[in-house]
């Protein structure tokens, strides 16, 4: 077992949720070696062709990662691992933080073909395909932004990719709507946290109205300009937004989640041309965080 490979305990948690083995030509044989190769690349950020020989053919590893990114296999594995953690009581629903982080895109991440990609051997578009490929241009060059919701244990619950110049507040509702943790013993999946925290960037009437409608308590500070505008309007401005300073101290949990996620070099710097492949890369890094004790 090489450095960074799955331990026996982690493999025992992951193996039941992988696609079945077999198939024509034994295409899905030896999942563990291939998954270790994918995680090695996610952790180190090396080009696919430079993967160590102990993982086998680099093309086999890349194609499996691309297929699982296109058909949503990585997403289903993440939900299954989260369901196991929730069943064991290892998800802290008391505080879910929403935040975003910018990732510098490598020069090799640009130049994707304009033609719409297809899922291998199917006539469908990959699940997380974006026409803009999730790339935005700023003074520093091409950037990509990862929006996520993290639970109290510093692990991501859901992910969303956008171009780097997109704002945070308009993405909050979509990020929270993607929370969906199945319940293996029966019942509807859990989609509503007990409490949500966000920084000033997420303070908007639209977001607060959405949280009140879903009966989700929240701690989001109100910027000075919004406070001044509300006071200037008098009664029409509405009531002041409540803010619990002690609860807001747990804001660091989602920031620590981002730091743990960006310990993977292929997440901190985007090397993938296609948005759906990069989404699979970030999801694979998130799965690894859920497998750890």
Protein backbone atom coordinates (compact mmCIF):
# COMPACT_ATOMS: atom_id res chain seq x y z
CA UNK A 1 0.00 0.00 0.00
CA UNK A 2 1.50 3.31 -1.07
CA UNK A 3 1.37 6.65 0.70
CA UNK A 4 -2.12 8.14 0.44
CA UNK A 5 -3.80 4.90 -0.69
CA UNK A 6 -7.04 3.69 0.86
CA UNK A 7 -6.63 1.81 4.12
CA UNK A 8 -8.46 -1.46 4.71
CA UNK A 9 -11.02 0.34 6.87
CA UNK A 10 -11.64 3.02 4.23
CA UNK A 11 -11.92 0.40 1.50
CA UNK A 12 -14.48 -1.56 3.52
CA UNK A 13 -16.64 1.59 3.72
CA UNK A 14 -16.26 2.44 0.04
CA UNK A 15 -16.44 -0.96 -1.68
CA UNK A 16 -20.20 -1.64 -1.17
CA UNK A 17 -21.10 1.56 -3.03
CA UNK A 18 -18.96 1.02 -6.16
CA UNK A 19 -20.46 -0.19 -9.47
CA UNK A 20 -20.61 -3.99 -9.82
CA UNK A 21 -17.55 -5.83 -11.05
CA UNK A 22 -17.34 -7.81 -14.27
CA UNK A 23 -18.63 -6.84 -17.68
CA UNK A 24 -17.31 -7.57 -21.13
CA UNK A 25 -13.55 -7.92 -21.14
CA UNK A 26 -13.37 -7.49 -17.37
CA UNK A 27 -13.55 -3.72 -17.76
CA UNK A 28 -14.49 -3.08 -14.13
CA UNK A 29 -12.03 -5.47 -12.49
CA UNK A 30 -9.79 -4.36 -9.62
CA UNK A 31 -11.65 -1.27 -8.45
CA UNK A 32 -9.28 -0.67 -5.56
CA UNK A 33 -6.17 -0.18 -7.68
CA UNK A 34 -7.95 2.19 -10.06
CA UNK A 35 -9.56 4.21 -7.27
CA UNK A 36 -6.18 4.53 -5.55
CA UNK A 37 -4.76 5.82 -8.84
CA UNK A 38 -7.54 8.40 -9.11
CA UNK A 39 -7.01 9.54 -5.52
CA UNK A 40 -3.24 9.76 -6.10
CA UNK A 41 -3.80 12.13 -8.99
CA UNK A 42 -6.37 14.18 -7.02
CA UNK A 43 -3.96 14.49 -4.10
CA UNK A 44 -0.82 15.33 -6.09
CA UNK A 45 -2.20 17.00 -9.23
CA UNK A 46 0.25 15.21 -11.55
CA UNK A 47 -0.66 14.76 -15.24
CA UNK A 48 -2.57 11.55 -15.89
CA UNK A 49 0.27 10.19 -18.03
CA UNK A 50 2.70 10.53 -15.10
CA UNK A 51 0.81 8.23 -12.74
CA UNK A 52 3.05 5.56 -11.11
CA UNK A 53 3.09 2.22 -12.86
CA UNK A 54 1.84 0.41 -9.76
CA UNK A 55 -1.66 1.70 -10.55
CA UNK A 56 -1.71 0.24 -14.05
CA UNK A 57 -2.53 1.98 -17.32
CA UNK A 58 -3.05 5.72 -16.89
CA UNK A 59 -5.67 5.71 -19.63
CA UNK A 60 -7.77 3.12 -17.78
CA UNK A 61 -7.67 5.27 -14.65
CA UNK A 62 -8.52 8.47 -16.52
CA UNK A 63 -11.36 6.91 -18.51
CA UNK A 64 -12.97 5.47 -15.41
CA UNK A 65 -12.73 8.82 -13.64
CA UNK A 66 -14.23 10.57 -16.67
CA UNK A 67 -17.07 8.05 -16.96
CA UNK A 68 -17.93 8.25 -13.28
CA UNK A 69 -17.87 12.05 -13.49
CA UNK A 70 -20.15 12.06 -16.52
CA UNK A 71 -22.84 9.62 -15.39
CA UNK A 72 -23.02 10.82 -11.77
CA UNK A 73 -21.36 7.78 -10.17
CA UNK A 74 -19.15 9.96 -7.97
CA UNK A 75 -22.24 11.86 -6.77
CA UNK A 76 -24.06 8.65 -5.89
CA UNK A 77 -21.03 7.33 -4.01
CA UNK A 78 -20.81 10.58 -2.03
CA UNK A 79 -24.48 10.36 -1.07
CA UNK A 80 -24.09 6.71 -0.04
CA UNK A 81 -21.07 7.45 2.14
CA UNK A 82 -22.94 10.37 3.72
CA UNK A 83 -25.94 8.10 4.37
CA UNK A 84 -23.70 5.63 6.23
CA UNK A 85 -22.22 8.46 8.28
CA UNK A 86 -25.67 9.84 9.11
CA UNK A 87 -26.87 6.38 10.15
CA UNK A 88 -23.92 6.15 12.55
CA UNK A 89 -24.68 9.64 13.90
CA UNK A 90 -21.48 11.17 12.52
CA UNK A 91 -23.08 14.16 10.74
CA UNK A 92 -23.39 17.37 12.75
CA UNK A 93 -26.61 18.96 11.46
CA UNK A 94 -26.63 21.59 14.21
CA UNK A 95 -24.64 24.01 12.03
CA UNK A 96 -24.18 23.90 8.26
CA UNK A 97 -22.02 26.65 6.81
CA UNK A 98 -22.18 27.95 3.25
CA UNK A 99 -19.11 29.47 1.65
CA UNK A 100 -17.10 29.57 -1.57
CA UNK A 101 -13.48 29.47 -2.65
CA UNK A 102 -11.73 30.48 -5.85
CA UNK A 103 -9.41 28.07 -7.65
CA UNK A 104 -6.82 29.28 -10.09
CA UNK A 105 -7.18 27.48 -13.41
CA UNK A 106 -4.00 26.17 -14.99
CA UNK A 107 -3.30 27.21 -18.58
CA UNK A 108 -3.99 23.61 -19.64
CA UNK A 109 -7.56 23.93 -18.30
CA UNK A 110 -8.43 26.30 -21.15
CA UNK A 111 -9.18 25.37 -24.74
CA UNK A 112 -11.92 22.76 -24.35
CA UNK A 113 -13.78 21.88 -27.53
CA UNK A 114 -16.91 23.88 -28.25
CA UNK A 115 -18.88 20.76 -29.13
CA UNK A 116 -21.11 19.44 -26.34
CA UNK A 117 -19.58 16.35 -24.68
CA UNK A 118 -21.47 13.06 -24.44
CA UNK A 119 -21.57 10.29 -21.87
CA UNK A 120 -19.59 7.34 -23.31
CA UNK A 121 -21.86 4.96 -25.28
CA UNK A 122 -24.93 7.09 -24.47
CA UNK A 123 -26.65 9.96 -26.21
CA UNK A 124 -26.87 12.12 -23.12
CA UNK A 125 -24.92 15.12 -21.85
CA UNK A 126 -22.73 14.67 -18.75
CA UNK A 127 -24.54 15.45 -15.54
CA UNK A 128 -22.60 18.58 -14.53
CA UNK A 129 -21.71 19.92 -17.97
CA UNK A 130 -21.62 23.71 -18.28
CA UNK A 131 -21.44 25.55 -21.62
CA UNK A 132 -19.00 28.03 -20.04
CA UNK A 133 -16.98 25.11 -18.53
CA UNK A 134 -17.06 26.92 -15.18
CA UNK A 135 -14.19 29.23 -16.15
CA UNK A 136 -14.16 32.99 -15.61
CA UNK A 137 -11.55 35.56 -16.52
CA UNK A 138 -10.22 38.11 -14.05
CA UNK A 139 -7.05 40.16 -13.64
CA UNK A 140 -5.20 37.10 -12.43
CA UNK A 141 -6.32 34.96 -15.37
CA UNK A 142 -8.80 32.09 -15.55
CA UNK A 143 -10.49 31.14 -12.28
CA UNK A 144 -13.15 28.72 -11.11
CA UNK A 145 -15.23 29.01 -7.94
CA UNK A 146 -16.40 26.15 -5.71
CA UNK A 147 -19.55 26.84 -3.69
CA UNK A 148 -20.20 24.33 -0.92
CA UNK A 149 -22.15 23.58 2.23
CA UNK A 150 -20.16 21.99 5.05
CA UNK A 151 -21.44 20.29 8.20
CA UNK A 152 -20.09 20.77 11.69
CA UNK A 153 -17.57 17.96 11.30
CA UNK A 154 -15.69 19.90 8.59
CA UNK A 155 -16.85 17.74 5.68
CA UNK A 156 -18.68 18.96 2.55
CA UNK A 157 -22.32 18.03 2.07
CA UNK A 158 -22.78 19.40 -1.44
CA UNK A 159 -20.82 21.20 -4.17
CA UNK A 160 -21.47 23.65 -7.00
CA UNK A 161 -19.04 24.96 -9.64
CA UNK A 162 -19.33 28.38 -11.28
CA UNK A 163 -17.00 30.79 -13.09
CA UNK A 164 -14.72 32.67 -10.75
CA UNK A 165 -16.39 36.08 -11.13
CA UNK A 166 -19.86 34.89 -10.11
CA UNK A 167 -21.24 36.21 -6.82
CA UNK A 168 -21.89 34.13 -3.71
CA UNK A 169 -25.39 35.22 -2.68
CA UNK A 170 -27.20 34.09 -5.88
CA UNK A 171 -25.78 30.56 -5.47
CA UNK A 172 -26.82 29.98 -1.87
CA UNK A 173 -30.28 28.59 -2.63
CA UNK A 174 -29.00 26.16 -5.25
CA UNK A 175 -26.26 24.94 -2.91
CA UNK A 176 -28.75 24.26 -0.09
CA UNK A 177 -31.23 22.64 -2.48
CA UNK A 178 -28.57 20.07 -3.41
CA UNK A 179 -28.32 18.74 0.16
CA UNK A 180 -29.83 15.27 0.00
CA UNK A 181 -28.68 12.58 2.42
CA UNK A 182 -30.55 9.25 1.94
CA UNK A 183 -31.81 7.19 4.87
CA UNK A 184 -30.97 3.49 4.37
CA UNK A 185 -33.55 2.35 6.94
CA UNK A 186 -36.39 4.04 5.08
CA UNK A 187 -37.97 7.45 4.88
CA UNK A 188 -37.36 10.54 2.84
CA UNK A 189 -33.79 11.81 2.41
CA UNK A 190 -32.78 14.56 4.79
CA UNK A 191 -32.50 17.90 3.02
CA UNK A 192 -32.93 20.47 5.82
CA UNK A 193 -30.20 21.36 8.35
CA UNK A 194 -31.01 22.70 11.80
CA UNK A 195 -29.04 25.92 11.38
CA UNK A 196 -27.26 27.68 8.50
CA UNK A 197 -24.46 30.21 8.74
CA UNK A 198 -23.03 32.51 6.11
CA UNK A 199 -20.90 35.63 5.91
CA UNK A 200 -22.01 39.09 4.77
CA UNK A 201 -21.84 38.06 1.12
CA UNK A 202 -24.95 35.88 1.61
CA UNK A 203 -27.08 38.60 3.21
CA UNK A 204 -30.03 39.29 0.92
CA UNK A 205 -33.79 39.40 1.25
CA UNK A 206 -34.14 36.55 -1.22
CA UNK A 207 -31.90 34.22 0.82
CA UNK A 208 -33.51 35.13 4.15
CA UNK A 209 -37.00 34.67 2.70
CA UNK A 210 -35.98 31.24 1.41
CA UNK A 211 -34.62 30.16 4.80
CA UNK A 212 -37.71 31.38 6.64
CA UNK A 213 -39.99 29.56 4.21
CA UNK A 214 -38.13 26.30 4.87
CA UNK A 215 -38.10 27.03 8.63
CA UNK A 216 -34.31 26.96 8.81
CA UNK A 217 -32.72 29.09 11.50
CA UNK A 218 -29.80 31.10 10.21
CA UNK A 219 -26.98 33.37 11.35
CA UNK A 220 -25.96 35.81 8.61
CA UNK A 221 -24.57 39.26 9.48
CA UNK A 222 -26.13 42.28 7.80
CA UNK A 223 -23.74 44.64 5.96
CA UNK A 224 -23.65 48.31 6.91
CA UNK A 225 -25.17 49.50 3.63
CA UNK A 226 -28.15 47.17 4.02
CA UNK A 227 -28.69 48.32 7.60
CA UNK A 228 -28.54 51.97 6.53
CA UNK A 229 -30.97 51.37 3.67
CA UNK A 230 -33.42 49.57 5.99
CA UNK A 231 -33.32 52.40 8.54
CA UNK A 232 -33.76 55.02 5.85
CA UNK A 233 -36.96 53.35 4.66
CA UNK A 234 -38.47 53.36 8.14
CA UNK A 235 -41.31 50.89 8.67
CA UNK A 236 -41.17 49.76 5.07
CA UNK A 237 -37.62 48.58 5.62
CA UNK A 238 -38.76 45.74 7.86
CA UNK A 239 -37.36 44.40 11.09
CA UNK A 240 -33.64 44.13 11.77
CA UNK A 241 -32.09 40.78 10.98
CA UNK A 242 -31.28 38.75 14.07
CA UNK A 243 -27.63 37.90 14.68
CA UNK A 244 -26.17 35.54 17.28
CA UNK A 245 -22.50 36.36 17.78
CA UNK A 246 -21.79 33.19 19.76
CA UNK A 247 -23.20 30.96 17.02
CA UNK A 248 -21.29 32.87 14.38
CA UNK A 249 -18.04 31.73 16.01
CA UNK A 250 -18.67 28.34 14.42
CA UNK A 251 -18.22 30.02 11.07
CA UNK A 252 -14.64 28.70 11.02
CA UNK A 253 -15.95 25.15 10.47
CA UNK A 254 -16.84 25.70 6.82
CA UNK A 255 -13.55 27.55 6.26
CA UNK A 256 -11.67 24.59 7.72
CA UNK A 257 -13.68 22.33 5.41
CA UNK A 258 -12.44 24.31 2.41
CA UNK A 259 -8.86 24.13 3.67
CA UNK A 260 -9.08 20.34 4.04
CA UNK A 261 -10.59 20.04 0.58
CA UNK A 262 -7.90 22.18 -1.02
CA UNK A 263 -5.14 20.07 0.51
CA UNK A 264 -5.69 18.10 -2.70
CA UNK A 265 -3.57 19.86 -5.31
CA UNK A 266 -5.91 18.96 -8.17
CA UNK A 267 -8.65 20.87 -6.30
CA UNK A 268 -6.57 23.89 -5.26
CA UNK A 269 -5.50 24.33 -8.90
CA UNK A 270 -7.82 23.28 -11.68
CA UNK A 271 -6.15 21.23 -14.40
CA UNK A 272 -9.28 19.69 -16.00
CA UNK A 273 -10.64 21.28 -19.15
CA UNK A 274 -14.21 20.07 -18.71
CA UNK A 275 -16.32 21.34 -15.82
CA UNK A 276 -17.96 17.95 -15.22
CA UNK A 277 -14.54 16.25 -14.91
CA UNK A 278 -13.37 18.87 -12.42
CA UNK A 279 -16.63 18.41 -10.50
CA UNK A 280 -15.81 14.70 -10.29
CA UNK A 281 -12.31 15.56 -9.06
CA UNK A 282 -13.67 17.73 -6.24
CA UNK A 283 -16.28 15.10 -5.38
CA UNK A 284 -13.62 12.37 -5.17
CA UNK A 285 -11.64 14.57 -2.76
CA UNK A 286 -14.80 15.08 -0.69
CA UNK A 287 -15.45 11.33 -0.56
CA UNK A 288 -11.96 10.80 0.81
CA UNK A 289 -12.70 13.24 3.63
CA UNK A 290 -15.86 11.31 4.53
CA UNK A 291 -13.96 8.01 4.62
CA UNK A 292 -11.44 9.24 7.18
CA UNK A 293 -12.09 8.84 10.87
